[in-house]
């Protein structure tokens, strides 16, 4: 069994780790100042914490993309690199929307990153945490969005015409409804997709960003229509949550990667419970790694 350094990377929330065909892991995450996007590259997961980092983009001084630079994700789509991320306006930090960068060079560490601007999800409202996956040659994106005053954040899915343009109308995938999804603040956010054992699993994060933060999961059969809500099943209990004995508080906003032998859960958590002030002002959400095992039905087991 592989042993992972704990934490894997200090003070990096909303982690995303992409294992490329060149044998390197490419890592990005939310930085404490919420003001730039950095990349790291390493041969092993355990080397990510000490790997050299490079700032590839900084927030704007005014207007769009001027505040709250959150949750960047690296995706290889076609023969290009894309980074999806969320950003607010410099003058209104909570006017958050999804944006994208693109790099056409093979070397994403040294290549030029171009702004593609805001991704139009059809409705002008708070939206963030966009992720992407490909199934049967079609790209789908999932993101979190608020569409009403009593809806803090729900997850929506759509098929994409291009990496930054929707082809289908967004479909509501899940909204906060269980007690563990509504503690502090009702939230469904941070979707991450794992396709294994004939099924599509979507892990997501729920409740506010303190010790109540936890992970839920949806699933459907790989052969089903992902744009038909009838295809999806939602777990009634969290699949990963605070474990006081293990010193793990508020685990969530994960991604999935592989160590070459096993699938690996990459997530953030704190190693203490009490937080002074707003949890978003506390920089100590660290990145951790955990090997995934599967139960007899082929479902991933995290906790």
Protein backbone atom coordinates (compact mmCIF):
# COMPACT_ATOMS: atom_id res chain seq x y z
CA UNK A 1 0.00 0.00 0.00
CA UNK A 2 1.33 3.43 -0.93
CA UNK A 3 2.03 5.89 1.87
CA UNK A 4 1.26 9.53 1.23
CA UNK A 5 2.79 12.47 3.05
CA UNK A 6 0.21 14.07 5.31
CA UNK A 7 -0.56 16.80 4.46
CA UNK A 8 0.47 16.38 0.86
CA UNK A 9 0.58 20.17 0.27
CA UNK A 10 0.14 22.79 2.99
CA UNK A 11 -2.39 25.62 2.68
CA UNK A 12 -3.84 24.54 -0.63
CA UNK A 13 -7.63 24.26 -0.71
CA UNK A 14 -9.83 22.91 -3.52
CA UNK A 15 -6.98 20.79 -4.93
CA UNK A 16 -6.87 19.42 -8.44
CA UNK A 17 -4.25 16.92 -9.59
CA UNK A 18 -3.92 15.70 -13.19
CA UNK A 19 -1.72 12.71 -14.04
CA UNK A 20 -0.56 13.18 -17.63
CA UNK A 21 0.80 10.66 -20.14
CA UNK A 22 4.28 12.17 -19.68
CA UNK A 23 4.39 10.59 -16.23
CA UNK A 24 4.10 13.87 -14.32
CA UNK A 25 1.46 15.00 -11.87
CA UNK A 26 0.23 18.54 -12.51
CA UNK A 27 -1.26 20.22 -9.48
CA UNK A 28 -3.20 23.42 -8.85
CA UNK A 29 -5.43 24.67 -6.04
CA UNK A 30 -6.87 27.74 -4.37
CA UNK A 31 -4.10 29.81 -2.78
CA UNK A 32 -4.69 31.60 0.56
CA UNK A 33 -4.71 35.10 -0.95
CA UNK A 34 -7.31 34.12 -3.58
CA UNK A 35 -5.32 36.22 -6.04
CA UNK A 36 -3.48 34.01 -8.56
CA UNK A 37 -3.30 30.57 -10.16
CA UNK A 38 -0.19 28.46 -9.72
CA UNK A 39 0.93 25.14 -11.18
CA UNK A 40 3.21 22.48 -9.74
CA UNK A 41 4.73 19.46 -11.46
CA UNK A 42 6.18 16.35 -9.84
CA UNK A 43 6.98 12.73 -10.66
CA UNK A 44 5.17 11.44 -7.56
CA UNK A 45 2.32 12.65 -5.40
CA UNK A 46 4.62 12.87 -2.39
CA UNK A 47 6.88 15.31 -4.23
CA UNK A 48 4.11 17.84 -4.88
CA UNK A 49 4.58 19.57 -1.53
CA UNK A 50 8.20 20.49 -2.29
CA UNK A 51 7.89 20.88 -6.07
CA UNK A 52 8.67 24.25 -7.60
CA UNK A 53 5.54 26.24 -8.27
CA UNK A 54 4.91 28.71 -11.05
CA UNK A 55 2.35 31.49 -11.14
CA UNK A 56 0.75 31.29 -14.57
CA UNK A 57 -2.00 33.90 -14.12
CA UNK A 58 -2.86 36.74 -11.72
CA UNK A 59 -6.17 38.40 -10.90
CA UNK A 60 -7.20 41.60 -12.67
CA UNK A 61 -6.84 44.94 -10.95
CA UNK A 62 -10.41 45.92 -11.75
CA UNK A 63 -13.59 44.45 -13.17
CA UNK A 64 -14.15 40.76 -13.89
CA UNK A 65 -11.64 38.21 -12.61
CA UNK A 66 -10.54 40.74 -10.00
CA UNK A 67 -11.29 38.87 -6.76
CA UNK A 68 -11.92 35.45 -5.16
CA UNK A 69 -9.85 33.37 -7.56
CA UNK A 70 -11.05 29.93 -6.52
CA UNK A 71 -10.85 26.25 -7.36
CA UNK A 72 -8.77 26.08 -10.57
CA UNK A 73 -8.87 22.74 -12.42
CA UNK A 74 -6.52 21.45 -15.14
CA UNK A 75 -8.10 19.54 -18.03
CA UNK A 76 -6.59 18.12 -21.21
CA UNK A 77 -9.30 18.37 -23.88
CA UNK A 78 -8.32 17.45 -27.42
CA UNK A 79 -4.72 18.56 -27.79
CA UNK A 80 -5.05 21.67 -25.63
CA UNK A 81 -4.88 22.47 -21.94
CA UNK A 82 -7.72 24.23 -20.16
CA UNK A 83 -8.02 25.62 -16.65
CA UNK A 84 -11.51 26.23 -15.32
CA UNK A 85 -11.69 28.56 -12.32
CA UNK A 86 -14.09 30.81 -10.45
CA UNK A 87 -13.63 34.53 -9.94
CA UNK A 88 -15.47 37.53 -8.55
CA UNK A 89 -15.27 41.16 -9.62
CA UNK A 90 -12.76 43.51 -8.06
CA UNK A 91 -15.61 45.84 -7.09
CA UNK A 92 -17.99 43.02 -6.08
CA UNK A 93 -16.11 39.97 -4.82
CA UNK A 94 -19.27 37.86 -4.52
CA UNK A 95 -20.31 38.38 -8.13
CA UNK A 96 -18.63 35.04 -8.87
CA UNK A 97 -18.75 33.30 -12.25
CA UNK A 98 -16.82 30.50 -14.03
CA UNK A 99 -13.94 31.42 -16.35
CA UNK A 100 -11.36 29.56 -18.41
CA UNK A 101 -7.75 29.77 -19.54
CA UNK A 102 -6.27 27.85 -22.48
CA UNK A 103 -2.74 26.75 -23.37
CA UNK A 104 -1.99 25.33 -26.83
CA UNK A 105 1.60 24.35 -25.98
CA UNK A 106 2.42 20.80 -24.92
CA UNK A 107 4.38 22.11 -21.93
CA UNK A 108 1.76 23.76 -19.75
CA UNK A 109 4.39 24.92 -17.26
CA UNK A 110 6.27 27.00 -19.82
CA UNK A 111 3.51 27.57 -22.37
CA UNK A 112 1.41 30.68 -22.85
CA UNK A 113 -1.94 30.79 -21.09
CA UNK A 114 -4.67 32.80 -22.78
CA UNK A 115 -7.84 34.10 -21.19
CA UNK A 116 -11.03 32.72 -22.75
CA UNK A 117 -13.26 34.82 -20.54
CA UNK A 118 -16.47 33.96 -18.77
CA UNK A 119 -18.33 30.75 -19.51
CA UNK A 120 -21.99 31.51 -20.20
CA UNK A 121 -24.12 29.02 -18.26
CA UNK A 122 -27.37 30.63 -19.37
CA UNK A 123 -28.32 32.50 -16.21
CA UNK A 124 -26.64 35.49 -14.59
CA UNK A 125 -26.19 34.29 -11.03
CA UNK A 126 -23.56 33.13 -8.55
CA UNK A 127 -21.79 30.13 -10.12
CA UNK A 128 -18.48 28.38 -9.53
CA UNK A 129 -16.55 25.09 -9.24
CA UNK A 130 -16.83 23.97 -12.85
CA UNK A 131 -15.44 20.55 -13.77
CA UNK A 132 -15.43 18.53 -16.99
CA UNK A 133 -15.55 14.89 -18.08
CA UNK A 134 -15.80 13.03 -21.38
CA UNK A 135 -18.11 10.09 -22.05
CA UNK A 136 -18.47 8.33 -25.41
CA UNK A 137 -16.71 11.19 -27.17
CA UNK A 138 -18.96 13.86 -25.66
CA UNK A 139 -17.88 16.46 -23.11
CA UNK A 140 -20.03 17.33 -20.13
CA UNK A 141 -19.47 20.00 -17.50
CA UNK A 142 -20.84 20.15 -13.98
CA UNK A 143 -20.81 23.26 -11.81
CA UNK A 144 -22.41 24.84 -8.74
CA UNK A 145 -24.93 27.66 -9.11
CA UNK A 146 -27.47 29.68 -7.17
CA UNK A 147 -30.75 30.41 -8.93
CA UNK A 148 -32.98 31.62 -6.11
CA UNK A 149 -32.70 33.42 -2.79
CA UNK A 150 -33.37 30.25 -0.79
CA UNK A 151 -30.88 28.20 -2.84
CA UNK A 152 -27.30 28.78 -1.75
CA UNK A 153 -25.66 26.41 -4.21
CA UNK A 154 -26.85 23.43 -6.28
CA UNK A 155 -25.15 21.34 -8.97
CA UNK A 156 -26.04 21.56 -12.67
CA UNK A 157 -24.85 19.50 -15.65
CA UNK A 158 -24.81 20.25 -19.39
CA UNK A 159 -23.30 18.83 -22.55
CA UNK A 160 -20.66 21.07 -24.10
CA UNK A 161 -20.37 22.11 -27.74
CA UNK A 162 -16.80 23.31 -27.13
CA UNK A 163 -14.79 23.30 -23.88
CA UNK A 164 -16.25 26.73 -23.08
CA UNK A 165 -19.70 26.72 -24.73
CA UNK A 166 -22.78 24.83 -23.61
CA UNK A 167 -24.63 22.66 -26.12
CA UNK A 168 -27.58 21.66 -23.95
CA UNK A 169 -29.65 23.47 -21.38
CA UNK A 170 -28.37 23.01 -17.82
CA UNK A 171 -30.08 20.27 -15.81
CA UNK A 172 -30.38 20.38 -12.02
CA UNK A 173 -28.39 17.42 -10.74
CA UNK A 174 -28.62 17.84 -6.97
CA UNK A 175 -29.59 20.47 -4.41
CA UNK A 176 -29.03 20.56 -0.63
CA UNK A 177 -31.81 18.61 1.02
CA UNK A 178 -30.41 16.35 3.75
CA UNK A 179 -29.43 17.60 7.20
CA UNK A 180 -25.72 17.02 6.53
CA UNK A 181 -25.96 19.17 3.37
CA UNK A 182 -27.51 22.16 5.13
CA UNK A 183 -25.44 22.65 8.29
CA UNK A 184 -24.41 26.27 8.62
CA UNK A 185 -25.11 27.03 4.98
CA UNK A 186 -27.04 24.79 2.53
CA UNK A 187 -24.47 23.95 -0.14
CA UNK A 188 -23.75 21.46 -2.91
CA UNK A 189 -20.49 22.39 -4.65
CA UNK A 190 -17.06 21.12 -5.77
CA UNK A 191 -18.16 18.28 -8.11
CA UNK A 192 -15.60 15.65 -9.13
CA UNK A 193 -16.17 12.78 -11.55
CA UNK A 194 -14.88 9.20 -11.35
CA UNK A 195 -15.83 6.67 -14.05
CA UNK A 196 -15.19 3.12 -12.85
CA UNK A 197 -16.79 -0.31 -12.78
CA UNK A 198 -19.48 0.60 -15.31
CA UNK A 199 -20.68 3.57 -13.30
CA UNK A 200 -20.23 7.34 -13.21
CA UNK A 201 -19.66 8.65 -9.70
CA UNK A 202 -19.96 12.34 -8.87
CA UNK A 203 -18.54 13.30 -5.50
CA UNK A 204 -19.43 16.75 -4.21
CA UNK A 205 -19.08 18.86 -1.08
CA UNK A 206 -21.85 19.97 1.24
CA UNK A 207 -22.53 22.45 4.08
CA UNK A 208 -20.27 25.34 5.04
CA UNK A 209 -16.47 25.33 4.95
CA UNK A 210 -15.76 24.51 8.60
CA UNK A 211 -15.95 21.13 10.35
CA UNK A 212 -19.44 20.57 8.90
CA UNK A 213 -18.00 20.36 5.41
CA UNK A 214 -18.32 16.85 4.03
CA UNK A 215 -18.63 14.85 0.82
CA UNK A 216 -21.75 13.37 -0.74
CA UNK A 217 -22.03 11.23 -3.86
CA UNK A 218 -24.30 10.66 -6.85
CA UNK A 219 -24.04 7.82 -9.32
CA UNK A 220 -25.53 6.47 -12.52
CA UNK A 221 -24.77 3.59 -14.86
CA UNK A 222 -22.23 4.41 -17.55
CA UNK A 223 -24.72 3.31 -20.23
CA UNK A 224 -27.44 5.68 -19.01
CA UNK A 225 -28.23 9.16 -20.30
CA UNK A 226 -26.41 11.54 -17.95
CA UNK A 227 -28.78 14.35 -18.97
CA UNK A 228 -31.81 12.41 -17.72
CA UNK A 229 -32.29 13.06 -14.02
CA UNK A 230 -33.96 9.66 -13.78
CA UNK A 231 -30.58 8.05 -14.45
CA UNK A 232 -29.06 9.44 -11.25
CA UNK A 233 -29.11 8.12 -7.70
CA UNK A 234 -28.12 10.16 -4.66
CA UNK A 235 -26.59 8.73 -1.49
CA UNK A 236 -28.62 9.66 1.58
CA UNK A 237 -25.54 9.81 3.84
CA UNK A 238 -22.17 11.54 3.42
CA UNK A 239 -19.38 9.37 2.05
CA UNK A 240 -16.55 11.30 3.76
CA UNK A 241 -16.84 13.58 6.79
CA UNK A 242 -15.04 14.94 9.85
CA UNK A 243 -13.18 12.27 11.82
CA UNK A 244 -12.13 13.64 15.20
CA UNK A 245 -10.03 10.59 16.08
CA UNK A 246 -8.04 11.00 12.87
CA UNK A 247 -7.72 14.77 13.30
CA UNK A 248 -9.48 15.37 9.98
CA UNK A 249 -11.96 18.25 9.98
CA UNK A 250 -14.17 19.33 7.10
CA UNK A 251 -12.83 17.10 4.30
CA UNK A 252 -14.07 17.97 0.85
CA UNK A 253 -13.67 19.68 -2.52
CA UNK A 254 -11.86 16.72 -3.96
CA UNK A 255 -10.58 15.40 -7.25
CA UNK A 256 -9.51 11.94 -8.40
CA UNK A 257 -6.18 10.74 -9.76
CA UNK A 258 -4.12 7.53 -9.86
CA UNK A 259 -0.78 6.44 -8.45
CA UNK A 260 -0.34 3.95 -11.27
CA UNK A 261 -1.74 1.07 -9.23
CA UNK A 262 -4.77 2.47 -7.43
CA UNK A 263 -7.20 5.33 -7.72
CA UNK A 264 -6.47 8.15 -5.28
CA UNK A 265 -8.72 10.68 -3.61
CA UNK A 266 -7.18 14.15 -3.39
CA UNK A 267 -9.03 16.46 -1.00
CA UNK A 268 -8.59 19.31 1.44
CA UNK A 269 -9.21 19.36 5.18
CA UNK A 270 -8.10 21.11 8.34
CA UNK A 271 -6.32 19.40 11.23
CA UNK A 272 -8.20 21.35 13.89
CA UNK A 273 -11.84 22.20 14.52
CA UNK A 274 -12.04 25.63 16.14
CA UNK A 275 -11.79 28.53 13.70
CA UNK A 276 -11.74 32.20 14.65
CA UNK A 277 -13.89 34.36 12.39
CA UNK A 278 -14.92 33.44 8.86
CA UNK A 279 -13.64 29.97 7.84
CA UNK A 280 -12.78 31.44 4.42
CA UNK A 281 -10.23 33.69 6.14
CA UNK A 282 -8.47 30.69 7.68
CA UNK A 283 -5.67 29.57 5.31
CA UNK A 284 -5.11 26.14 6.83
CA UNK A 285 -7.08 23.94 4.51
CA UNK A 286 -4.35 21.53 3.48
CA UNK A 287 -4.26 19.03 0.60
CA UNK A 288 -4.33 15.33 1.50
CA UNK A 289 -4.23 12.08 -0.49
CA UNK A 290 -6.02 8.82 0.28
CA UNK A 291 -6.04 5.54 -1.60
CA UNK A 292 -9.50 4.49 -2.78
CA UNK A 293 -10.84 0.99 -2.22
CA UNK A 294 -13.99 -0.41 -3.77
CA UNK A 295 -16.75 -2.42 -2.13
CA UNK A 296 -18.28 -5.60 -3.51
CA UNK A 297 -20.69 -3.58 -5.64
CA UNK A 298 -17.89 -1.57 -7.26
CA UNK A 299 -18.56 1.62 -5.30
CA UNK A 300 -15.63 3.71 -4.04
CA UNK A 301 -15.09 3.79 -0.30
CA UNK A 302 -13.48 6.94 1.10
CA UNK A 303 -14.18 7.05 4.83
